[in-house]
């Protein structure tokens, strides 16, 4: 899923590591809200700057090591940003049309936001709010979302 999201919007000026992690979160939790299943089955952690996948660094490193993406550091909005660009088409054969639609919907809703904007939005999401700091975010809490993040 991460590779697909990078392919779709990694070259946007506003999209760095933070935005990519939040797009993964919203894709997974939006899909869960619709279907009672996440796309990736990955766990997310309640961190200070919003939800993050537990293994996000490993995921980026895997994609770089396998020649699927390249990473670079650039400046955006006065901040140092780690950004990524896809150099190979992602394999989406294991995704259902509904899963792709959930990813596309998250990109459409949040893909133009800066890191700060998507961070603030993720911190309004009930699953993040009810989790304890540093702990696992429960997918089931997506069923109690506020209208601002509910799909």
N, C-alpha and C. Protein backbone atom coordinates (compact mmCIF):
# COMPACT_ATOMS: atom_id res chain seq x y z
N UNK A 1 0.83 -1.19 0.00
CA UNK A 1 0.00 0.00 0.00
C UNK A 1 0.88 1.26 0.00
N UNK A 2 1.94 1.23 0.81
CA UNK A 2 2.83 2.40 0.86
C UNK A 2 3.41 2.70 -0.51
N UNK A 3 3.86 1.68 -1.22
CA UNK A 3 4.44 1.90 -2.55
C UNK A 3 3.39 2.50 -3.49
N UNK A 4 2.18 2.03 -3.42
CA UNK A 4 1.10 2.56 -4.27
C UNK A 4 0.87 4.05 -3.95
N UNK A 5 0.82 4.39 -2.67
CA UNK A 5 0.59 5.78 -2.28
C UNK A 5 1.75 6.66 -2.75
N UNK A 6 2.97 6.17 -2.61
CA UNK A 6 4.13 6.93 -3.09
C UNK A 6 4.03 7.14 -4.60
N UNK A 7 3.66 6.10 -5.33
CA UNK A 7 3.51 6.23 -6.78
C UNK A 7 2.45 7.27 -7.13
N UNK A 8 1.37 7.30 -6.38
CA UNK A 8 0.26 8.21 -6.69
C UNK A 8 0.54 9.66 -6.31
N UNK A 9 1.29 9.90 -5.22
CA UNK A 9 1.42 11.30 -4.80
C UNK A 9 2.76 11.65 -4.17
N UNK A 10 3.74 10.77 -4.24
CA UNK A 10 5.03 11.03 -3.62
C UNK A 10 5.77 12.21 -4.21
N UNK A 11 5.48 12.56 -5.45
CA UNK A 11 6.19 13.67 -6.08
C UNK A 11 5.57 15.04 -5.76
N UNK A 12 4.48 15.07 -5.01
CA UNK A 12 3.88 16.34 -4.61
C UNK A 12 4.77 17.03 -3.58
N UNK A 13 4.88 18.33 -3.66
CA UNK A 13 5.76 19.10 -2.77
C UNK A 13 5.41 18.91 -1.30
N UNK A 14 4.12 18.77 -1.00
CA UNK A 14 3.68 18.66 0.39
C UNK A 14 3.84 17.27 0.98
N UNK A 15 4.13 16.28 0.15
CA UNK A 15 4.11 14.88 0.61
C UNK A 15 5.50 14.41 1.00
N UNK A 16 5.67 14.26 2.29
CA UNK A 16 6.87 13.68 2.87
C UNK A 16 6.48 12.47 3.71
N UNK A 17 7.42 12.01 4.50
CA UNK A 17 7.21 10.81 5.32
C UNK A 17 5.96 10.91 6.21
N UNK A 18 5.77 12.07 6.84
CA UNK A 18 4.62 12.24 7.73
C UNK A 18 3.31 12.08 6.98
N UNK A 19 3.18 12.76 5.85
CA UNK A 19 1.95 12.67 5.06
C UNK A 19 1.74 11.25 4.57
N UNK A 20 2.80 10.58 4.13
CA UNK A 20 2.67 9.20 3.66
C UNK A 20 2.19 8.27 4.76
N UNK A 21 2.74 8.41 5.96
CA UNK A 21 2.30 7.57 7.09
C UNK A 21 0.84 7.82 7.43
N UNK A 22 0.43 9.09 7.39
CA UNK A 22 -0.97 9.40 7.71
C UNK A 22 -1.91 8.93 6.61
N UNK A 23 -1.47 8.98 5.35
CA UNK A 23 -2.30 8.45 4.26
C UNK A 23 -2.47 6.94 4.41
N UNK A 24 -1.44 6.25 4.86
CA UNK A 24 -1.57 4.81 5.13
C UNK A 24 -2.59 4.59 6.25
N UNK A 25 -2.47 5.37 7.32
CA UNK A 25 -3.40 5.26 8.44
C UNK A 25 -4.84 5.48 7.99
N UNK A 26 -5.08 6.60 7.30
CA UNK A 26 -6.45 6.88 6.88
C UNK A 26 -6.95 5.83 5.88
N UNK A 27 -6.11 5.35 5.00
CA UNK A 27 -6.53 4.30 4.06
C UNK A 27 -6.99 3.07 4.82
N UNK A 28 -6.17 2.62 5.77
CA UNK A 28 -6.50 1.43 6.55
C UNK A 28 -7.74 1.62 7.41
N UNK A 29 -7.81 2.73 8.14
CA UNK A 29 -8.92 2.93 9.06
C UNK A 29 -10.22 3.29 8.34
N UNK A 30 -10.12 4.01 7.23
CA UNK A 30 -11.32 4.28 6.42
C UNK A 30 -11.88 2.98 5.86
N UNK A 31 -10.98 2.14 5.37
CA UNK A 31 -11.43 0.86 4.81
C UNK A 31 -12.06 -0.01 5.91
N UNK A 32 -11.46 0.01 7.08
CA UNK A 32 -12.02 -0.75 8.20
C UNK A 32 -13.42 -0.24 8.55
N UNK A 33 -13.58 1.08 8.55
CA UNK A 33 -14.89 1.65 8.86
C UNK A 33 -15.94 1.18 7.87
N UNK A 34 -15.55 1.03 6.61
CA UNK A 34 -16.49 0.59 5.57
C UNK A 34 -16.75 -0.92 5.58
N UNK A 35 -15.71 -1.70 5.88
CA UNK A 35 -15.78 -3.15 5.62
C UNK A 35 -15.49 -4.05 6.82
N UNK A 36 -15.06 -3.49 7.94
CA UNK A 36 -14.61 -4.25 9.11
C UNK A 36 -13.32 -5.02 8.85
N UNK A 37 -12.58 -4.61 7.82
CA UNK A 37 -11.27 -5.19 7.52
C UNK A 37 -10.31 -4.07 7.16
N UNK A 38 -9.07 -4.16 7.67
CA UNK A 38 -8.07 -3.20 7.23
C UNK A 38 -7.49 -3.70 5.91
N UNK A 39 -6.78 -2.84 5.23
CA UNK A 39 -6.14 -3.24 3.97
C UNK A 39 -4.87 -4.03 4.25
N UNK A 40 -4.05 -3.52 5.16
CA UNK A 40 -2.74 -4.11 5.40
C UNK A 40 -2.66 -5.06 6.58
N UNK A 41 -3.55 -4.88 7.54
CA UNK A 41 -3.45 -5.66 8.77
C UNK A 41 -2.35 -5.14 9.69
N UNK A 42 -1.72 -4.02 9.30
CA UNK A 42 -0.64 -3.44 10.10
C UNK A 42 -1.20 -2.75 11.34
N UNK A 43 -0.39 -2.74 12.39
CA UNK A 43 -0.75 -2.02 13.61
C UNK A 43 -0.18 -0.61 13.56
N UNK A 44 -0.92 0.30 14.16
CA UNK A 44 -0.52 1.70 14.23
C UNK A 44 -0.37 2.09 15.69
N UNK A 45 0.53 3.01 15.94
CA UNK A 45 0.86 3.46 17.29
C UNK A 45 0.40 4.90 17.48
N UNK A 46 -0.09 5.22 18.68
CA UNK A 46 -0.43 6.61 19.00
C UNK A 46 0.86 7.32 19.36
N UNK A 47 1.32 8.17 18.47
CA UNK A 47 2.53 8.95 18.67
C UNK A 47 2.17 10.41 18.86
N UNK A 48 3.12 11.18 19.32
CA UNK A 48 2.90 12.60 19.59
C UNK A 48 2.35 13.34 18.38
N UNK A 49 2.86 13.03 17.19
CA UNK A 49 2.47 13.75 15.98
C UNK A 49 1.41 13.00 15.17
N UNK A 50 0.62 12.18 15.84
CA UNK A 50 -0.44 11.45 15.17
C UNK A 50 -0.07 9.99 15.00
N UNK A 51 -0.96 9.22 14.39
CA UNK A 51 -0.73 7.78 14.26
C UNK A 51 0.39 7.47 13.26
N UNK A 52 1.17 6.44 13.60
CA UNK A 52 2.20 5.96 12.68
C UNK A 52 2.18 4.44 12.66
N UNK A 53 2.43 3.85 11.50
CA UNK A 53 2.56 2.38 11.46
C UNK A 53 3.79 1.98 12.26
N UNK A 54 3.69 0.91 13.05
CA UNK A 54 4.82 0.47 13.86
C UNK A 54 6.08 0.22 13.03
N UNK A 55 5.94 -0.31 11.85
CA UNK A 55 7.10 -0.71 11.06
C UNK A 55 7.36 0.22 9.88
N UNK A 56 7.01 1.48 10.01
CA UNK A 56 7.09 2.36 8.84
C UNK A 56 8.52 2.52 8.32
N UNK A 57 9.51 2.63 9.20
CA UNK A 57 10.89 2.78 8.73
C UNK A 57 11.34 1.56 7.94
N UNK A 58 10.98 0.38 8.44
CA UNK A 58 11.31 -0.86 7.73
C UNK A 58 10.65 -0.90 6.36
N UNK A 59 9.43 -0.42 6.26
CA UNK A 59 8.72 -0.42 4.98
C UNK A 59 9.40 0.49 3.96
N UNK A 60 9.78 1.70 4.39
CA UNK A 60 10.49 2.60 3.48
C UNK A 60 11.82 1.98 3.06
N UNK A 61 12.58 1.45 4.04
CA UNK A 61 13.89 0.86 3.75
C UNK A 61 13.78 -0.33 2.81
N UNK A 62 12.76 -1.16 2.99
CA UNK A 62 12.54 -2.31 2.11
C UNK A 62 12.32 -1.85 0.68
N UNK A 63 11.47 -0.86 0.50
CA UNK A 63 11.18 -0.36 -0.85
C UNK A 63 12.41 0.27 -1.50
N UNK A 64 13.23 0.96 -0.72
CA UNK A 64 14.47 1.54 -1.25
C UNK A 64 15.45 0.43 -1.61
N UNK A 65 15.66 -0.50 -0.70
CA UNK A 65 16.62 -1.59 -0.89
C UNK A 65 16.28 -2.43 -2.12
N UNK A 66 15.00 -2.58 -2.41
CA UNK A 66 14.56 -3.40 -3.53
C UNK A 66 14.35 -2.59 -4.81
N UNK A 67 14.83 -1.36 -4.83
CA UNK A 67 14.82 -0.55 -6.04
C UNK A 67 13.45 -0.12 -6.51
N UNK A 68 12.50 -0.01 -5.58
CA UNK A 68 11.15 0.37 -5.95
C UNK A 68 10.91 1.87 -5.81
N UNK A 69 11.61 2.50 -4.85
CA UNK A 69 11.49 3.93 -4.62
C UNK A 69 12.88 4.50 -4.35
N UNK A 70 12.98 5.82 -4.48
CA UNK A 70 14.17 6.52 -4.02
C UNK A 70 13.74 7.56 -3.00
N UNK A 71 14.60 7.79 -2.03
CA UNK A 71 14.32 8.78 -1.01
C UNK A 71 15.23 9.97 -1.17
N UNK A 72 14.74 11.11 -0.75
CA UNK A 72 15.56 12.32 -0.78
C UNK A 72 15.11 13.23 0.35
N UNK A 73 15.99 14.12 0.70
CA UNK A 73 15.67 15.12 1.72
C UNK A 73 15.56 16.46 1.02
N UNK A 74 14.50 17.17 1.35
CA UNK A 74 14.27 18.49 0.75
C UNK A 74 13.64 19.38 1.81
N UNK A 75 13.48 20.63 1.47
CA UNK A 75 12.85 21.58 2.37
C UNK A 75 11.44 21.86 1.87
N UNK A 76 10.49 21.86 2.80
CA UNK A 76 9.12 22.25 2.47
C UNK A 76 8.56 23.05 3.62
N UNK A 77 8.05 24.21 3.31
CA UNK A 77 7.42 25.07 4.32
C UNK A 77 8.36 25.38 5.49
N UNK A 78 9.67 25.46 5.18
CA UNK A 78 10.65 25.78 6.20
C UNK A 78 11.11 24.60 7.04
N UNK A 79 10.65 23.39 6.71
CA UNK A 79 11.03 22.19 7.47
C UNK A 79 11.79 21.22 6.57
N UNK A 80 12.67 20.44 7.19
CA UNK A 80 13.36 19.36 6.49
C UNK A 80 12.35 18.23 6.27
N UNK A 81 12.26 17.77 5.04
CA UNK A 81 11.26 16.77 4.69
C UNK A 81 11.93 15.57 4.02
N UNK A 82 11.59 14.37 4.49
CA UNK A 82 12.04 13.14 3.84
C UNK A 82 10.95 12.75 2.85
N UNK A 83 11.28 12.79 1.57
CA UNK A 83 10.28 12.48 0.55
C UNK A 83 10.74 11.28 -0.27
N UNK A 84 9.82 10.71 -1.02
CA UNK A 84 10.07 9.49 -1.77
C UNK A 84 9.37 9.57 -3.12
N UNK A 85 10.00 8.95 -4.11
CA UNK A 85 9.44 8.89 -5.45
C UNK A 85 9.51 7.44 -5.92
N UNK A 86 8.45 6.97 -6.51
CA UNK A 86 8.41 5.61 -7.04
C UNK A 86 9.18 5.56 -8.36
N UNK A 87 10.03 4.55 -8.51
CA UNK A 87 10.77 4.38 -9.76
C UNK A 87 10.38 3.07 -10.45
N UNK A 88 9.39 2.41 -9.88
CA UNK A 88 8.89 1.16 -10.42
C UNK A 88 7.40 1.08 -10.11
N UNK A 89 6.64 0.52 -11.01
CA UNK A 89 5.21 0.36 -10.77
C UNK A 89 4.98 -0.56 -9.56
N UNK A 90 4.10 -0.18 -8.64
CA UNK A 90 3.80 -1.06 -7.51
C UNK A 90 2.97 -2.26 -7.96
N UNK A 91 3.15 -3.36 -7.27
CA UNK A 91 2.35 -4.55 -7.53
C UNK A 91 1.05 -4.41 -6.74
N UNK A 92 -0.04 -4.22 -7.44
CA UNK A 92 -1.33 -4.04 -6.76
C UNK A 92 -2.25 -5.25 -6.97
N UNK A 93 -1.67 -6.34 -7.45
CA UNK A 93 -2.45 -7.53 -7.76
C UNK A 93 -3.18 -8.14 -6.57
N UNK A 94 -2.68 -7.90 -5.36
CA UNK A 94 -3.33 -8.47 -4.17
C UNK A 94 -4.42 -7.58 -3.60
N UNK A 95 -4.58 -6.37 -4.16
CA UNK A 95 -5.60 -5.46 -3.67
C UNK A 95 -6.91 -5.65 -4.40
N UNK A 96 -8.00 -5.58 -3.66
CA UNK A 96 -9.32 -5.62 -4.28
C UNK A 96 -9.66 -4.23 -4.82
N UNK A 97 -10.64 -4.16 -5.72
CA UNK A 97 -11.08 -2.82 -6.19
C UNK A 97 -11.55 -1.94 -5.03
N UNK A 98 -12.16 -2.52 -4.01
CA UNK A 98 -12.63 -1.75 -2.86
C UNK A 98 -11.45 -1.19 -2.06
N UNK A 99 -10.38 -1.97 -1.95
CA UNK A 99 -9.20 -1.49 -1.23
C UNK A 99 -8.54 -0.34 -1.98
N UNK A 100 -8.41 -0.49 -3.29
CA UNK A 100 -7.86 0.60 -4.10
C UNK A 100 -8.73 1.84 -3.96
N UNK A 101 -10.04 1.66 -3.96
CA UNK A 101 -10.96 2.80 -3.82
C UNK A 101 -10.76 3.49 -2.47
N UNK A 102 -10.52 2.74 -1.41
CA UNK A 102 -10.28 3.34 -0.09
C UNK A 102 -8.98 4.13 -0.08
N UNK A 103 -7.94 3.61 -0.71
CA UNK A 103 -6.66 4.32 -0.79
C UNK A 103 -6.84 5.61 -1.59
N UNK A 104 -7.50 5.49 -2.74
CA UNK A 104 -7.73 6.67 -3.59
C UNK A 104 -8.56 7.72 -2.85
N UNK A 105 -9.54 7.28 -2.10
CA UNK A 105 -10.38 8.20 -1.33
C UNK A 105 -9.55 8.95 -0.29
N UNK A 106 -8.66 8.24 0.40
CA UNK A 106 -7.80 8.89 1.40
C UNK A 106 -6.87 9.90 0.73
N UNK A 107 -6.31 9.53 -0.43
CA UNK A 107 -5.45 10.46 -1.16
C UNK A 107 -6.24 11.69 -1.59
N UNK A 108 -7.45 11.49 -2.05
CA UNK A 108 -8.29 12.60 -2.48
C UNK A 108 -8.63 13.52 -1.32
N UNK A 109 -8.96 12.95 -0.17
CA UNK A 109 -9.37 13.74 0.99
C UNK A 109 -8.21 14.47 1.67
N UNK A 110 -7.04 13.79 1.73
CA UNK A 110 -5.96 14.31 2.56
C UNK A 110 -4.64 14.55 1.83
N UNK A 111 -4.55 14.16 0.58
CA UNK A 111 -3.28 14.19 -0.15
C UNK A 111 -2.72 15.56 -0.47
N UNK A 112 -3.53 16.59 -0.36
CA UNK A 112 -3.03 17.95 -0.61
C UNK A 112 -2.63 18.66 0.68
N UNK A 113 -2.83 18.02 1.82
CA UNK A 113 -2.52 18.64 3.11
C UNK A 113 -1.02 18.63 3.37
N UNK A 114 -0.57 19.61 4.12
CA UNK A 114 0.81 19.62 4.60
C UNK A 114 0.93 18.61 5.73
N UNK A 115 2.15 18.35 6.15
CA UNK A 115 2.35 17.44 7.27
C UNK A 115 1.64 17.93 8.52
N UNK A 116 1.71 19.23 8.78
CA UNK A 116 1.05 19.79 9.97
C UNK A 116 -0.47 19.66 9.87
N UNK A 117 -1.02 19.90 8.69
CA UNK A 117 -2.47 19.82 8.52
C UNK A 117 -2.98 18.39 8.69
N UNK A 118 -2.31 17.43 8.07
CA UNK A 118 -2.78 16.04 8.18
C UNK A 118 -2.54 15.50 9.59
N UNK A 119 -1.50 15.99 10.25
CA UNK A 119 -1.27 15.62 11.65
C UNK A 119 -2.44 16.07 12.51
N UNK A 120 -2.83 17.34 12.36
CA UNK A 120 -3.98 17.86 13.14
C UNK A 120 -5.25 17.09 12.84
N UNK A 121 -5.47 16.74 11.57
CA UNK A 121 -6.67 15.98 11.21
C UNK A 121 -6.63 14.59 11.86
N UNK A 122 -5.49 13.95 11.82
CA UNK A 122 -5.40 12.60 12.40
C UNK A 122 -5.62 12.63 13.91
N UNK A 123 -5.26 13.75 14.54
CA UNK A 123 -5.45 13.87 15.98
C UNK A 123 -6.89 14.19 16.35
N UNK A 124 -7.75 14.40 15.37
CA UNK A 124 -9.19 14.56 15.60
C UNK A 124 -9.93 13.25 15.41
N UNK A 125 -9.21 12.21 15.00
CA UNK A 125 -9.83 10.92 14.69
C UNK A 125 -9.99 10.11 15.98
N UNK A 126 -11.19 9.62 16.22
CA UNK A 126 -11.51 8.91 17.46
C UNK A 126 -10.54 7.77 17.75
N UNK A 127 -10.15 6.92 16.79
CA UNK A 127 -9.20 5.86 17.14
C UNK A 127 -7.91 6.39 17.76
N UNK A 128 -7.40 7.51 17.26
CA UNK A 128 -6.19 8.10 17.84
C UNK A 128 -6.50 8.71 19.21
N UNK A 129 -7.62 9.38 19.33
CA UNK A 129 -7.98 10.05 20.58
C UNK A 129 -8.09 9.06 21.73
N UNK A 130 -8.74 7.93 21.51
CA UNK A 130 -9.01 7.00 22.62
C UNK A 130 -7.83 6.09 22.95
N UNK A 131 -6.83 6.02 22.09
CA UNK A 131 -5.65 5.20 22.38
C UNK A 131 -4.78 5.90 23.42
N UNK A 132 -4.01 5.10 24.15
CA UNK A 132 -3.05 5.65 25.10
C UNK A 132 -1.75 5.97 24.37
N UNK A 133 -1.06 7.00 24.84
CA UNK A 133 0.21 7.40 24.23
C UNK A 133 1.17 6.22 24.11
N UNK A 134 1.71 6.05 22.92
CA UNK A 134 2.69 4.99 22.67
C UNK A 134 2.10 3.61 22.49
N UNK A 135 0.79 3.50 22.55
CA UNK A 135 0.17 2.17 22.46
C UNK A 135 -0.56 1.98 21.14
N UNK A 136 -0.95 0.75 20.93
CA UNK A 136 -1.65 0.29 19.74
C UNK A 136 -2.98 1.03 19.58
N UNK A 137 -3.31 1.43 18.34
CA UNK A 137 -4.59 2.08 18.03
C UNK A 137 -5.55 0.99 17.57
N UNK A 138 -6.70 0.92 18.22
CA UNK A 138 -7.70 -0.12 17.95
C UNK A 138 -8.51 0.21 16.70
N UNK A 139 -8.48 -0.69 15.71
CA UNK A 139 -9.28 -0.49 14.51
C UNK A 139 -10.77 -0.36 14.83
N UNK A 140 -11.25 -1.08 15.82
CA UNK A 140 -12.67 -1.06 16.16
C UNK A 140 -13.18 0.32 16.52
N UNK A 141 -12.29 1.19 16.99
CA UNK A 141 -12.70 2.56 17.35
C UNK A 141 -13.11 3.36 16.12
N UNK A 142 -12.77 2.88 14.92
CA UNK A 142 -13.19 3.57 13.69
C UNK A 142 -14.70 3.61 13.56
N UNK A 143 -15.39 2.74 14.25
CA UNK A 143 -16.85 2.71 14.18
C UNK A 143 -17.50 3.85 14.96
N UNK A 144 -16.68 4.60 15.71
CA UNK A 144 -17.20 5.68 16.53
C UNK A 144 -16.63 7.04 16.11
N UNK A 145 -16.22 7.13 14.87
CA UNK A 145 -15.59 8.34 14.37
C UNK A 145 -16.54 9.53 14.35
N UNK A 146 -15.93 10.68 14.49
CA UNK A 146 -16.60 11.96 14.37
C UNK A 146 -16.88 12.22 12.89
N UNK A 147 -17.91 13.00 12.56
CA UNK A 147 -18.20 13.27 11.15
C UNK A 147 -17.04 13.88 10.35
N UNK A 148 -16.10 14.58 11.01
CA UNK A 148 -15.00 15.20 10.26
C UNK A 148 -14.03 14.18 9.68
N UNK A 149 -13.98 12.97 10.23
CA UNK A 149 -13.08 11.95 9.67
C UNK A 149 -13.83 10.71 9.19
N UNK A 150 -15.08 10.59 9.53
CA UNK A 150 -15.86 9.41 9.13
C UNK A 150 -16.06 9.37 7.61
N UNK A 151 -16.03 8.15 7.08
CA UNK A 151 -16.31 7.98 5.67
C UNK A 151 -17.71 7.41 5.49
